Amino acid sequence: MPSRGGRPEDGAGLVPADISTPHKEDLSSKIKEQKVVVDELSNLKKNRKVYRQQQNSNIFFLADRTEMLSESKNILDELRKEYQEIENSEKTKVKK
């Protein structure tokens, strides 16, 4: 069985599809989550404070709302781009 990071280019075409489907579902849920974050940040009043959670801890730091919004939009764009690449690769495999 090939590793997750590998790209088998031989006749094992079913294995990558089985691996990409859970990854695609995970990406889809992350996209939905990121859309909510962007909507919430964009609908905040200008005087509201935004906090960023320190990774892997329960510590929060004050953050700039506009920076957080632009960063969240960039993350959403990257997730959509990755999702689109997976869909395009699946369509390409189906055509072959």
N, C-alpha and C. Protein backbone atom coordinates (compact mmCIF):
# COMPACT_ATOMS: atom_id res chain seq x y z
N MET A 1 0.85 -1.18 0.00
CA MET A 1 0.00 0.00 0.00
C MET A 1 0.89 1.24 0.00
N PRO A 2 0.66 2.19 -0.91
CA PRO A 2 1.51 3.38 -0.98
C PRO A 2 1.27 4.31 0.20
N SER A 3 2.28 5.10 0.50
CA SER A 3 2.15 6.06 1.60
C SER A 3 1.25 7.21 1.18
N ARG A 4 0.76 7.97 2.16
CA ARG A 4 -0.16 9.07 1.86
C ARG A 4 0.49 10.17 1.02
N GLY A 5 1.77 10.42 1.26
CA GLY A 5 2.46 11.49 0.55
C GLY A 5 2.88 11.10 -0.85
N GLY A 6 2.93 9.80 -1.15
CA GLY A 6 3.39 9.34 -2.44
C GLY A 6 2.34 9.50 -3.52
N ARG A 7 2.83 9.55 -4.77
CA ARG A 7 1.92 9.65 -5.90
C ARG A 7 2.15 8.45 -6.80
N PRO A 8 1.39 7.40 -6.63
CA PRO A 8 1.59 6.24 -7.49
C PRO A 8 1.09 6.54 -8.89
N GLU A 9 1.97 6.37 -9.86
CA GLU A 9 1.58 6.68 -11.24
C GLU A 9 1.39 5.41 -12.05
N ASP A 10 1.45 4.26 -11.41
CA ASP A 10 1.21 3.01 -12.10
C ASP A 10 -0.28 2.68 -12.10
N GLY A 11 -0.65 1.45 -12.20
CA GLY A 11 -2.05 1.04 -12.34
C GLY A 11 -2.88 1.13 -11.08
N ALA A 12 -2.37 1.61 -9.97
CA ALA A 12 -3.11 1.67 -8.70
C ALA A 12 -3.94 2.94 -8.63
N GLY A 13 -4.88 3.11 -9.53
CA GLY A 13 -5.67 4.34 -9.59
C GLY A 13 -6.75 4.43 -8.53
N LEU A 14 -7.17 3.33 -7.94
CA LEU A 14 -8.23 3.37 -6.94
C LEU A 14 -7.74 3.84 -5.58
N VAL A 15 -6.50 3.62 -5.26
CA VAL A 15 -5.98 3.97 -3.94
C VAL A 15 -5.99 5.49 -3.71
N PRO A 16 -5.51 6.32 -4.65
CA PRO A 16 -5.54 7.77 -4.41
C PRO A 16 -6.96 8.31 -4.27
N ALA A 17 -7.92 7.74 -5.00
CA ALA A 17 -9.30 8.21 -4.88
C ALA A 17 -9.84 7.93 -3.48
N ASP A 18 -9.48 6.77 -2.93
CA ASP A 18 -9.93 6.43 -1.58
C ASP A 18 -9.30 7.36 -0.55
N ILE A 19 -8.06 7.77 -0.78
CA ILE A 19 -7.38 8.66 0.15
C ILE A 19 -7.88 10.10 -0.01
N SER A 20 -8.12 10.53 -1.25
CA SER A 20 -8.50 11.92 -1.48
C SER A 20 -9.92 12.23 -1.02
N THR A 21 -10.81 11.23 -0.99
CA THR A 21 -12.19 11.49 -0.58
C THR A 21 -12.29 11.97 0.86
N PRO A 22 -11.64 11.31 1.84
CA PRO A 22 -11.69 11.87 3.20
C PRO A 22 -11.00 13.23 3.28
N HIS A 23 -9.92 13.39 2.52
CA HIS A 23 -9.22 14.68 2.51
C HIS A 23 -10.12 15.76 1.92
N LYS A 24 -10.87 15.41 0.89
CA LYS A 24 -11.79 16.36 0.25
C LYS A 24 -12.91 16.74 1.21
N GLU A 25 -13.42 15.77 1.96
CA GLU A 25 -14.47 16.06 2.94
C GLU A 25 -13.93 16.94 4.06
N ASP A 26 -12.71 16.67 4.49
CA ASP A 26 -12.07 17.47 5.52
C ASP A 26 -11.87 18.91 5.04
N LEU A 27 -11.43 19.04 3.79
CA LEU A 27 -11.26 20.39 3.21
C LEU A 27 -12.60 21.12 3.13
N SER A 28 -13.63 20.40 2.76
CA SER A 28 -14.96 21.00 2.65
C SER A 28 -15.42 21.54 3.99
N SER A 29 -15.21 20.78 5.05
CA SER A 29 -15.62 21.25 6.38
C SER A 29 -14.75 22.43 6.84
N LYS A 30 -13.46 22.40 6.50
CA LYS A 30 -12.59 23.53 6.85
C LYS A 30 -12.99 24.79 6.09
N ILE A 31 -13.41 24.63 4.83
CA ILE A 31 -13.87 25.78 4.04
C ILE A 31 -15.11 26.38 4.68
N LYS A 32 -16.05 25.54 5.08
CA LYS A 32 -17.27 26.03 5.73
C LYS A 32 -16.94 26.77 7.02
N GLU A 33 -16.04 26.21 7.80
CA GLU A 33 -15.62 26.82 9.06
C GLU A 33 -14.95 28.17 8.80
N GLN A 34 -14.10 28.22 7.78
CA GLN A 34 -13.39 29.47 7.48
C GLN A 34 -14.35 30.54 6.95
N LYS A 35 -15.37 30.12 6.21
CA LYS A 35 -16.39 31.08 5.74
C LYS A 35 -17.09 31.74 6.92
N VAL A 36 -17.38 30.96 7.95
CA VAL A 36 -18.03 31.50 9.15
C VAL A 36 -17.11 32.50 9.83
N VAL A 37 -15.83 32.17 9.92
CA VAL A 37 -14.86 33.07 10.55
C VAL A 37 -14.81 34.39 9.79
N VAL A 38 -14.74 34.33 8.47
CA VAL A 38 -14.68 35.54 7.65
C VAL A 38 -15.95 36.36 7.81
N ASP A 39 -17.10 35.70 7.80
CA ASP A 39 -18.37 36.42 7.97
C ASP A 39 -18.45 37.10 9.34
N GLU A 40 -18.05 36.37 10.37
CA GLU A 40 -18.11 36.94 11.72
C GLU A 40 -17.18 38.15 11.84
N LEU A 41 -15.96 38.02 11.32
CA LEU A 41 -15.01 39.13 11.41
C LEU A 41 -15.45 40.33 10.58
N SER A 42 -16.05 40.08 9.44
CA SER A 42 -16.46 41.20 8.59
C SER A 42 -17.71 41.91 9.13
N ASN A 43 -18.49 41.22 9.97
CA ASN A 43 -19.69 41.84 10.52
C ASN A 43 -19.48 42.48 11.89
N LEU A 44 -18.26 42.41 12.40
CA LEU A 44 -17.98 43.03 13.69
C LEU A 44 -17.97 44.55 13.59
N LYS A 45 -18.39 45.20 14.66
CA LYS A 45 -18.30 46.65 14.72
C LYS A 45 -16.82 47.04 14.81
N LYS A 46 -16.51 48.24 14.37
CA LYS A 46 -15.12 48.70 14.32
C LYS A 46 -14.45 48.73 15.69
N ASN A 47 -15.21 48.98 16.74
CA ASN A 47 -14.60 49.13 18.06
C ASN A 47 -14.50 47.81 18.84
N ARG A 48 -14.89 46.71 18.24
CA ARG A 48 -14.82 45.41 18.92
C ARG A 48 -13.40 44.88 18.94
N LYS A 49 -13.07 44.16 19.99
CA LYS A 49 -11.74 43.58 20.11
C LYS A 49 -11.76 42.14 19.60
N VAL A 50 -10.64 41.75 19.00
CA VAL A 50 -10.49 40.40 18.46
C VAL A 50 -9.27 39.78 19.11
N TYR A 51 -9.40 38.52 19.49
CA TYR A 51 -8.29 37.82 20.13
C TYR A 51 -7.91 36.61 19.30
N ARG A 52 -6.61 36.35 19.28
CA ARG A 52 -6.08 35.18 18.57
C ARG A 52 -5.61 34.18 19.63
N GLN A 53 -6.00 32.93 19.45
CA GLN A 53 -5.59 31.90 20.40
C GLN A 53 -4.19 31.41 20.05
N GLN A 54 -3.36 31.31 21.06
CA GLN A 54 -2.03 30.75 20.88
C GLN A 54 -2.18 29.28 20.51
N GLN A 55 -1.46 28.84 19.50
CA GLN A 55 -1.59 27.47 19.03
C GLN A 55 -1.25 26.47 20.13
N ASN A 56 -2.08 25.47 20.26
CA ASN A 56 -1.90 24.37 21.23
C ASN A 56 -1.93 24.84 22.69
N SER A 57 -2.67 25.91 22.97
CA SER A 57 -2.79 26.35 24.36
C SER A 57 -4.10 27.10 24.54
N ASN A 58 -4.36 27.50 25.77
CA ASN A 58 -5.56 28.27 26.06
C ASN A 58 -5.24 29.74 26.31
N ILE A 59 -4.18 30.22 25.72
CA ILE A 59 -3.76 31.62 25.88
C ILE A 59 -4.22 32.42 24.67
N PHE A 60 -4.82 33.58 24.93
CA PHE A 60 -5.32 34.44 23.87
C PHE A 60 -4.58 35.77 23.89
N PHE A 61 -4.31 36.31 22.68
CA PHE A 61 -3.64 37.60 22.54
C PHE A 61 -4.51 38.53 21.72
N LEU A 62 -4.48 39.81 22.09
CA LEU A 62 -5.22 40.81 21.34
C LEU A 62 -4.65 40.92 19.94
N ALA A 63 -5.53 40.96 18.94
CA ALA A 63 -5.10 41.03 17.55
C ALA A 63 -5.86 42.13 16.82
N ASP A 64 -5.31 42.58 15.72
CA ASP A 64 -5.95 43.61 14.90
C ASP A 64 -7.06 42.96 14.07
N ARG A 65 -8.24 43.55 14.09
CA ARG A 65 -9.39 42.97 13.39
C ARG A 65 -9.16 42.90 11.89
N THR A 66 -8.62 43.96 11.30
CA THR A 66 -8.43 43.97 9.84
C THR A 66 -7.37 42.96 9.40
N GLU A 67 -6.32 42.82 10.22
CA GLU A 67 -5.29 41.82 9.90
C GLU A 67 -5.87 40.41 9.98
N MET A 68 -6.65 40.17 11.01
CA MET A 68 -7.26 38.85 11.17
C MET A 68 -8.23 38.55 10.01
N LEU A 69 -8.98 39.57 9.59
CA LEU A 69 -9.91 39.39 8.48
C LEU A 69 -9.17 39.06 7.20
N SER A 70 -8.11 39.81 6.88
CA SER A 70 -7.38 39.55 5.65
C SER A 70 -6.67 38.19 5.70
N GLU A 71 -6.15 37.84 6.87
CA GLU A 71 -5.51 36.53 7.03
C GLU A 71 -6.53 35.41 6.85
N SER A 72 -7.71 35.59 7.41
CA SER A 72 -8.76 34.57 7.28
C SER A 72 -9.21 34.43 5.83
N LYS A 73 -9.29 35.54 5.11
CA LYS A 73 -9.65 35.48 3.69
C LYS A 73 -8.59 34.76 2.89
N ASN A 74 -7.33 35.00 3.21
CA ASN A 74 -6.24 34.31 2.51
C ASN A 74 -6.29 32.81 2.76
N ILE A 75 -6.55 32.43 4.00
CA ILE A 75 -6.67 31.01 4.33
C ILE A 75 -7.83 30.38 3.57
N LEU A 76 -8.95 31.09 3.49
CA LEU A 76 -10.11 30.60 2.76
C LEU A 76 -9.78 30.42 1.28
N ASP A 77 -9.07 31.37 0.70
CA ASP A 77 -8.68 31.27 -0.70
C ASP A 77 -7.77 30.06 -0.94
N GLU A 78 -6.83 29.84 -0.03
CA GLU A 78 -5.92 28.70 -0.16
C GLU A 78 -6.68 27.38 -0.06
N LEU A 79 -7.63 27.31 0.87
CA LEU A 79 -8.43 26.09 1.03
C LEU A 79 -9.27 25.82 -0.22
N ARG A 80 -9.87 26.87 -0.75
CA ARG A 80 -10.68 26.71 -1.97
C ARG A 80 -9.81 26.26 -3.14
N LYS A 81 -8.62 26.84 -3.24
CA LYS A 81 -7.69 26.47 -4.31
C LYS A 81 -7.31 25.00 -4.21
N GLU A 82 -6.99 24.54 -3.01
CA GLU A 82 -6.63 23.14 -2.80
C GLU A 82 -7.80 22.22 -3.12
N TYR A 83 -9.01 22.61 -2.71
CA TYR A 83 -10.21 21.82 -2.99
C TYR A 83 -10.44 21.73 -4.50
N GLN A 84 -10.25 22.85 -5.19
CA GLN A 84 -10.44 22.87 -6.64
C GLN A 84 -9.41 21.98 -7.34
N GLU A 85 -8.18 21.96 -6.84
CA GLU A 85 -7.14 21.11 -7.42
C GLU A 85 -7.51 19.64 -7.27
N ILE A 86 -8.07 19.28 -6.11
CA ILE A 86 -8.50 17.88 -5.89
C ILE A 86 -9.62 17.53 -6.85
N GLU A 87 -10.59 18.42 -7.01
CA GLU A 87 -11.70 18.15 -7.92
C GLU A 87 -11.21 18.01 -9.35
N ASN A 88 -10.29 18.88 -9.76
CA ASN A 88 -9.76 18.81 -11.12
C ASN A 88 -8.99 17.52 -11.35
N SER A 89 -8.23 17.09 -10.35
CA SER A 89 -7.47 15.84 -10.51
C SER A 89 -8.41 14.65 -10.56
N GLU A 90 -9.52 14.70 -9.83
CA GLU A 90 -10.50 13.61 -9.88
C GLU A 90 -11.17 13.56 -11.25
N LYS A 91 -11.47 14.73 -11.81
CA LYS A 91 -12.10 14.77 -13.14
C LYS A 91 -11.14 14.23 -14.19
N THR A 92 -9.86 14.56 -14.04
CA THR A 92 -8.86 14.09 -14.98
C THR A 92 -8.73 12.57 -14.92
N LYS A 93 -8.78 12.00 -13.70
CA LYS A 93 -8.67 10.55 -13.54
C LYS A 93 -9.88 9.84 -14.13
N VAL A 94 -11.06 10.46 -14.01
CA VAL A 94 -12.27 9.85 -14.54
C VAL A 94 -12.23 9.82 -16.06
N LYS A 95 -11.68 10.87 -16.69
CA LYS A 95 -11.61 10.94 -18.14
C LYS A 95 -10.68 9.88 -18.72
N LYS A 96 -9.63 9.51 -17.95
CA LYS A 96 -8.67 8.52 -18.46
C LYS A 96 -9.23 7.18 -18.43
